[in-house]
């Protein structure tokens, strides 16, 4: 499982926001929405060389596993 936690620059969780992660060459981008704590959860194993998108903008590139925190 991969969790992306999204915060504002001031440290507040971002809720009800569309988050996407790239999943390998064949599965494309998968999407989930953040909950009240800013968490978007994806049922995938760790990913190499992935990108995280928040509202269509790339906010993280690199390995994804466990929890990844991003600020927008």
N, C-alpha and C. Protein backbone atom coordinates (compact mmCIF):
# COMPACT_ATOMS: atom_id res chain seq x y z
N UNK A 1 0.84 -1.18 0.00
CA UNK A 1 0.00 0.00 0.00
C UNK A 1 0.88 1.25 0.00
N UNK A 2 0.50 2.21 -0.80
CA UNK A 2 1.18 3.50 -0.87
C UNK A 2 0.22 4.57 -0.38
N UNK A 3 0.69 5.44 0.50
CA UNK A 3 -0.12 6.57 0.98
C UNK A 3 0.62 7.84 0.63
N UNK A 4 -0.08 8.76 0.00
CA UNK A 4 0.45 10.09 -0.27
C UNK A 4 -0.31 11.05 0.63
N UNK A 5 0.41 11.77 1.48
CA UNK A 5 -0.22 12.73 2.39
C UNK A 5 0.11 14.13 1.88
N UNK A 6 -0.94 14.93 1.67
CA UNK A 6 -0.80 16.24 1.04
C UNK A 6 -1.09 17.33 2.08
N UNK A 7 -0.15 18.27 2.18
CA UNK A 7 -0.28 19.41 3.08
C UNK A 7 -0.11 20.71 2.31
N UNK A 8 -0.70 21.78 2.84
CA UNK A 8 -0.41 23.11 2.32
C UNK A 8 0.98 23.51 2.81
N UNK A 9 1.51 24.59 2.26
CA UNK A 9 2.82 25.07 2.69
C UNK A 9 2.83 25.44 4.16
N UNK A 10 1.66 25.81 4.71
CA UNK A 10 1.58 26.18 6.13
C UNK A 10 1.35 24.97 7.04
N UNK A 11 1.27 23.76 6.46
CA UNK A 11 1.17 22.55 7.27
C UNK A 11 -0.22 22.01 7.50
N UNK A 12 -1.23 22.56 6.84
CA UNK A 12 -2.60 22.06 6.98
C UNK A 12 -2.87 20.95 5.97
N UNK A 13 -3.60 19.90 6.35
CA UNK A 13 -3.91 18.83 5.39
C UNK A 13 -4.83 19.35 4.30
N UNK A 14 -4.61 18.86 3.09
CA UNK A 14 -5.43 19.23 1.94
C UNK A 14 -6.48 18.14 1.77
N UNK A 15 -7.76 18.50 1.81
CA UNK A 15 -8.83 17.52 1.75
C UNK A 15 -9.54 17.54 0.39
N UNK A 16 -10.14 16.40 0.05
CA UNK A 16 -10.96 16.25 -1.16
C UNK A 16 -10.24 16.70 -2.43
N UNK A 17 -8.97 16.39 -2.53
CA UNK A 17 -8.16 16.78 -3.67
C UNK A 17 -7.71 15.55 -4.44
N UNK A 18 -7.74 15.62 -5.75
CA UNK A 18 -7.37 14.51 -6.61
C UNK A 18 -5.85 14.36 -6.65
N UNK A 19 -5.39 13.14 -6.32
CA UNK A 19 -3.96 12.81 -6.32
C UNK A 19 -3.76 11.66 -7.30
N UNK A 20 -2.75 11.75 -8.12
CA UNK A 20 -2.42 10.68 -9.05
C UNK A 20 -1.01 10.20 -8.84
N UNK A 21 -0.78 8.91 -9.07
CA UNK A 21 0.59 8.37 -9.05
C UNK A 21 0.79 7.53 -10.29
N UNK A 22 1.99 7.63 -10.87
CA UNK A 22 2.31 6.80 -12.03
C UNK A 22 2.67 5.41 -11.54
N UNK A 23 2.09 4.41 -12.20
CA UNK A 23 2.28 3.01 -11.82
C UNK A 23 2.84 2.26 -13.01
N UNK A 24 4.16 2.15 -13.06
CA UNK A 24 4.80 1.36 -14.11
C UNK A 24 4.51 1.86 -15.52
N UNK A 25 5.03 1.13 -16.49
CA UNK A 25 4.87 1.52 -17.88
C UNK A 25 3.50 1.17 -18.44
N UNK A 26 2.84 0.18 -17.88
CA UNK A 26 1.61 -0.34 -18.49
C UNK A 26 0.35 0.13 -17.79
N UNK A 27 0.40 0.43 -16.53
CA UNK A 27 -0.81 0.78 -15.79
C UNK A 27 -1.12 2.27 -15.81
N UNK A 28 -0.22 3.09 -16.31
CA UNK A 28 -0.49 4.51 -16.42
C UNK A 28 -0.55 5.20 -15.07
N UNK A 29 -1.53 6.11 -14.92
CA UNK A 29 -1.69 6.88 -13.70
C UNK A 29 -2.96 6.42 -12.99
N UNK A 30 -2.85 6.19 -11.69
CA UNK A 30 -4.00 5.82 -10.86
C UNK A 30 -4.33 7.01 -9.96
N UNK A 31 -5.62 7.19 -9.68
CA UNK A 31 -6.08 8.36 -8.93
C UNK A 31 -6.82 7.98 -7.65
N UNK A 32 -6.71 8.85 -6.67
CA UNK A 32 -7.48 8.74 -5.42
C UNK A 32 -7.68 10.16 -4.90
N UNK A 33 -8.63 10.33 -4.00
CA UNK A 33 -8.88 11.64 -3.39
C UNK A 33 -8.42 11.64 -1.94
N UNK A 34 -7.93 12.79 -1.48
CA UNK A 34 -7.46 12.90 -0.10
C UNK A 34 -8.64 12.90 0.86
N UNK A 35 -8.40 12.36 2.06
CA UNK A 35 -9.41 12.35 3.11
C UNK A 35 -9.22 13.58 4.01
N UNK A 36 -9.86 13.60 5.16
CA UNK A 36 -9.79 14.76 6.06
C UNK A 36 -8.40 14.98 6.66
N UNK A 37 -7.55 13.95 6.60
CA UNK A 37 -6.17 14.07 7.08
C UNK A 37 -5.18 14.34 5.96
N UNK A 38 -5.67 14.50 4.74
CA UNK A 38 -4.80 14.75 3.60
C UNK A 38 -4.24 13.49 2.98
N UNK A 39 -4.73 12.30 3.38
CA UNK A 39 -4.20 11.03 2.88
C UNK A 39 -4.96 10.54 1.64
N UNK A 40 -4.20 10.14 0.64
CA UNK A 40 -4.75 9.44 -0.53
C UNK A 40 -4.06 8.08 -0.55
N UNK A 41 -4.84 7.01 -0.59
CA UNK A 41 -4.27 5.66 -0.49
C UNK A 41 -4.41 4.91 -1.80
N UNK A 42 -3.36 4.16 -2.12
CA UNK A 42 -3.29 3.38 -3.35
C UNK A 42 -2.88 1.96 -2.99
N UNK A 43 -3.59 1.00 -3.53
CA UNK A 43 -3.32 -0.41 -3.23
C UNK A 43 -2.32 -0.97 -4.23
N UNK A 44 -1.08 -0.49 -4.13
CA UNK A 44 0.01 -0.93 -5.01
C UNK A 44 1.26 -1.17 -4.19
N UNK A 45 2.14 -2.04 -4.67
CA UNK A 45 3.42 -2.24 -3.99
C UNK A 45 4.34 -1.04 -4.26
N UNK A 46 5.49 -0.97 -3.61
CA UNK A 46 6.44 0.12 -3.85
C UNK A 46 6.73 0.27 -5.35
N UNK A 47 6.93 1.49 -5.75
CA UNK A 47 7.18 1.80 -7.17
C UNK A 47 8.49 2.55 -7.32
N UNK A 48 9.26 2.17 -8.32
CA UNK A 48 10.49 2.90 -8.68
C UNK A 48 10.11 4.04 -9.62
N UNK A 49 10.87 5.08 -9.65
CA UNK A 49 10.74 6.15 -10.65
C UNK A 49 9.31 6.57 -10.93
N UNK A 50 8.56 6.86 -9.89
CA UNK A 50 7.18 7.28 -10.05
C UNK A 50 7.06 8.79 -9.94
N UNK A 51 5.91 9.28 -10.35
CA UNK A 51 5.58 10.69 -10.19
C UNK A 51 4.27 10.79 -9.40
N UNK A 52 4.18 11.83 -8.58
CA UNK A 52 2.95 12.12 -7.84
C UNK A 52 2.40 13.43 -8.39
N UNK A 53 1.11 13.41 -8.69
CA UNK A 53 0.42 14.58 -9.22
C UNK A 53 -0.64 15.03 -8.23
N UNK A 54 -0.72 16.33 -8.00
CA UNK A 54 -1.81 16.90 -7.21
C UNK A 54 -2.44 17.98 -8.09
N UNK A 55 -3.72 17.81 -8.35
CA UNK A 55 -4.44 18.71 -9.26
C UNK A 55 -3.71 18.86 -10.59
N UNK A 56 -3.15 17.76 -11.10
CA UNK A 56 -2.51 17.75 -12.41
C UNK A 56 -1.08 18.24 -12.46
N UNK A 57 -0.52 18.68 -11.34
CA UNK A 57 0.86 19.17 -11.31
C UNK A 57 1.76 18.15 -10.63
N UNK A 58 2.96 17.94 -11.19
CA UNK A 58 3.91 17.02 -10.58
C UNK A 58 4.47 17.66 -9.31
N UNK A 59 4.33 16.93 -8.17
CA UNK A 59 4.82 17.45 -6.89
C UNK A 59 5.90 16.56 -6.28
N UNK A 60 6.15 15.39 -6.88
CA UNK A 60 7.18 14.47 -6.38
C UNK A 60 7.57 13.53 -7.50
N UNK A 61 8.87 13.26 -7.60
CA UNK A 61 9.36 12.23 -8.51
C UNK A 61 10.32 11.35 -7.73
N UNK A 62 10.32 10.07 -8.05
CA UNK A 62 11.22 9.13 -7.38
C UNK A 62 10.48 7.92 -6.86
N UNK A 63 11.13 7.21 -5.96
CA UNK A 63 10.57 5.97 -5.41
C UNK A 63 9.39 6.28 -4.48
N UNK A 64 8.36 5.43 -4.56
CA UNK A 64 7.20 5.53 -3.68
C UNK A 64 7.05 4.24 -2.92
N UNK A 65 6.98 4.34 -1.60
CA UNK A 65 6.66 3.19 -0.76
C UNK A 65 6.21 3.71 0.59
N UNK A 66 5.29 2.99 1.20
CA UNK A 66 4.79 3.43 2.50
C UNK A 66 4.12 4.78 2.39
N UNK A 67 4.55 5.75 3.19
CA UNK A 67 3.96 7.09 3.20
C UNK A 67 4.93 8.10 2.57
N UNK A 68 4.39 8.89 1.66
CA UNK A 68 5.12 9.99 1.05
C UNK A 68 4.37 11.27 1.36
N UNK A 69 5.05 12.25 1.91
CA UNK A 69 4.43 13.52 2.28
C UNK A 69 4.84 14.57 1.23
N UNK A 70 3.84 15.31 0.72
CA UNK A 70 4.12 16.37 -0.24
C UNK A 70 3.45 17.65 0.24
N UNK A 71 4.01 18.77 -0.17
CA UNK A 71 3.47 20.08 0.19
C UNK A 71 3.11 20.84 -1.09
N UNK A 72 1.93 21.43 -1.09
CA UNK A 72 1.47 22.16 -2.28
C UNK A 72 1.13 23.60 -1.92
